[in-house]
Amino acid sequence: MSRRSRDHLPSRPTWRCSACGIAWPCSSAKLRLLGEYRESRTALLVYLATLQVEAAQQLAELDGGTPPDNLAERFTAWARAR
């Protein structure tokens, strides 16, 4: 794995990409995750749903108790089988 792909990790508690600064998972992180979980889309979705819960809690703490509305789209919708 290249250093560039490893660096596209979430920066907690803001959940922005540590490499490119956009909302995580960024495009590079999505590609890496799809590759890592190519044998089990279900495992990928479980992993992402777990991270979504963690992100919701941390982002809510940053925003007065209210998590963003679009977290399901951001964390899991893109990873569903087409």
Protein backbone atom coordinates (compact mmCIF):
# COMPACT_ATOMS: atom_id res chain seq x y z
CA MET A 1 0.00 0.00 0.00
CA SER A 2 1.38 3.40 -0.90
CA ARG A 3 1.85 6.16 1.63
CA ARG A 4 -0.63 8.32 -0.28
CA SER A 5 -3.51 5.83 0.14
CA ARG A 6 -2.66 5.24 3.80
CA ASP A 7 -2.86 8.94 4.54
CA HIS A 8 -6.52 9.24 3.53
CA LEU A 9 -7.78 8.46 7.03
CA PRO A 10 -10.39 10.24 9.15
CA SER A 11 -9.20 12.97 11.47
CA ARG A 12 -11.31 12.74 14.59
CA PRO A 13 -13.42 14.50 15.86
CA THR A 14 -13.96 16.54 12.66
CA TRP A 15 -14.14 13.51 10.35
CA ARG A 16 -12.22 15.26 7.60
CA CYS A 17 -9.60 13.44 5.56
CA SER A 18 -6.15 13.79 7.09
CA ALA A 19 -4.58 13.91 3.61
CA CYS A 20 -6.86 16.08 1.48
CA GLY A 21 -9.06 17.83 4.06
CA ILE A 22 -12.46 17.02 2.58
CA ALA A 23 -15.24 15.18 4.38
CA TRP A 24 -14.20 11.59 5.07
CA PRO A 25 -14.49 9.16 3.39
CA CYS A 26 -12.98 11.07 0.48
CA SER A 27 -12.73 9.54 -3.00
CA SER A 28 -9.29 8.07 -2.30
CA ALA A 29 -10.50 6.50 0.94
CA LYS A 30 -13.55 5.04 -0.81
CA LEU A 31 -11.39 3.44 -3.50
CA ARG A 32 -9.03 2.01 -0.89
CA LEU A 33 -11.90 0.63 1.18
CA LEU A 34 -13.59 -0.93 -1.86
CA GLY A 35 -10.31 -2.65 -2.68
CA GLU A 36 -9.72 -3.85 0.87
CA TYR A 37 -13.26 -5.22 1.21
CA ARG A 38 -13.72 -6.47 -2.38
CA GLU A 39 -14.48 -9.97 -1.08
CA SER A 40 -17.16 -8.83 1.39
CA ARG A 41 -19.34 -5.82 0.72
CA THR A 42 -21.35 -6.73 3.84
CA ALA A 43 -18.27 -6.44 6.04
CA LEU A 44 -17.50 -3.05 4.47
CA LEU A 45 -21.01 -1.81 5.23
CA VAL A 46 -20.80 -3.01 8.84
CA TYR A 47 -17.45 -1.26 9.24
CA LEU A 48 -18.75 1.97 7.71
CA ALA A 49 -21.95 1.89 9.78
CA THR A 50 -19.84 1.53 12.93
CA LEU A 51 -17.75 4.53 11.91
CA GLN A 52 -20.93 6.46 11.08
CA VAL A 53 -22.19 6.01 14.65
CA GLU A 54 -18.85 7.19 16.03
CA ALA A 55 -18.83 10.18 13.66
CA ALA A 56 -22.40 11.11 14.57
CA GLN A 57 -21.49 11.23 18.26
CA GLN A 58 -18.31 13.23 17.75
CA LEU A 59 -19.78 15.65 15.22
CA ALA A 60 -22.80 16.22 17.47
CA GLU A 61 -20.48 17.19 20.31
CA LEU A 62 -18.84 19.75 18.03
CA ASP A 63 -22.19 21.15 16.89
CA GLY A 64 -24.17 21.56 20.08
CA GLY A 65 -25.64 18.05 20.18
CA THR A 66 -26.95 17.73 16.63
CA PRO A 67 -25.21 15.39 14.16
CA PRO A 68 -25.28 16.26 10.43
CA ASP A 69 -28.29 14.98 8.48
CA ASN A 70 -26.37 13.41 5.59
CA LEU A 71 -24.21 10.88 7.42
CA ALA A 72 -25.88 7.78 5.95
CA GLU A 73 -25.28 9.10 2.45
CA ARG A 74 -21.73 10.03 3.31
CA PHE A 75 -20.75 6.80 5.08
CA THR A 76 -22.75 3.90 3.64
CA ALA A 77 -24.89 4.76 0.60
CA TRP A 78 -21.92 4.87 -1.78
CA ALA A 79 -20.74 1.40 -0.70
CA ARG A 80 -23.94 -0.52 -1.38
CA ALA A 81 -23.81 -3.01 -4.22
CA ARG A 82 -25.19 -1.61 -7.45
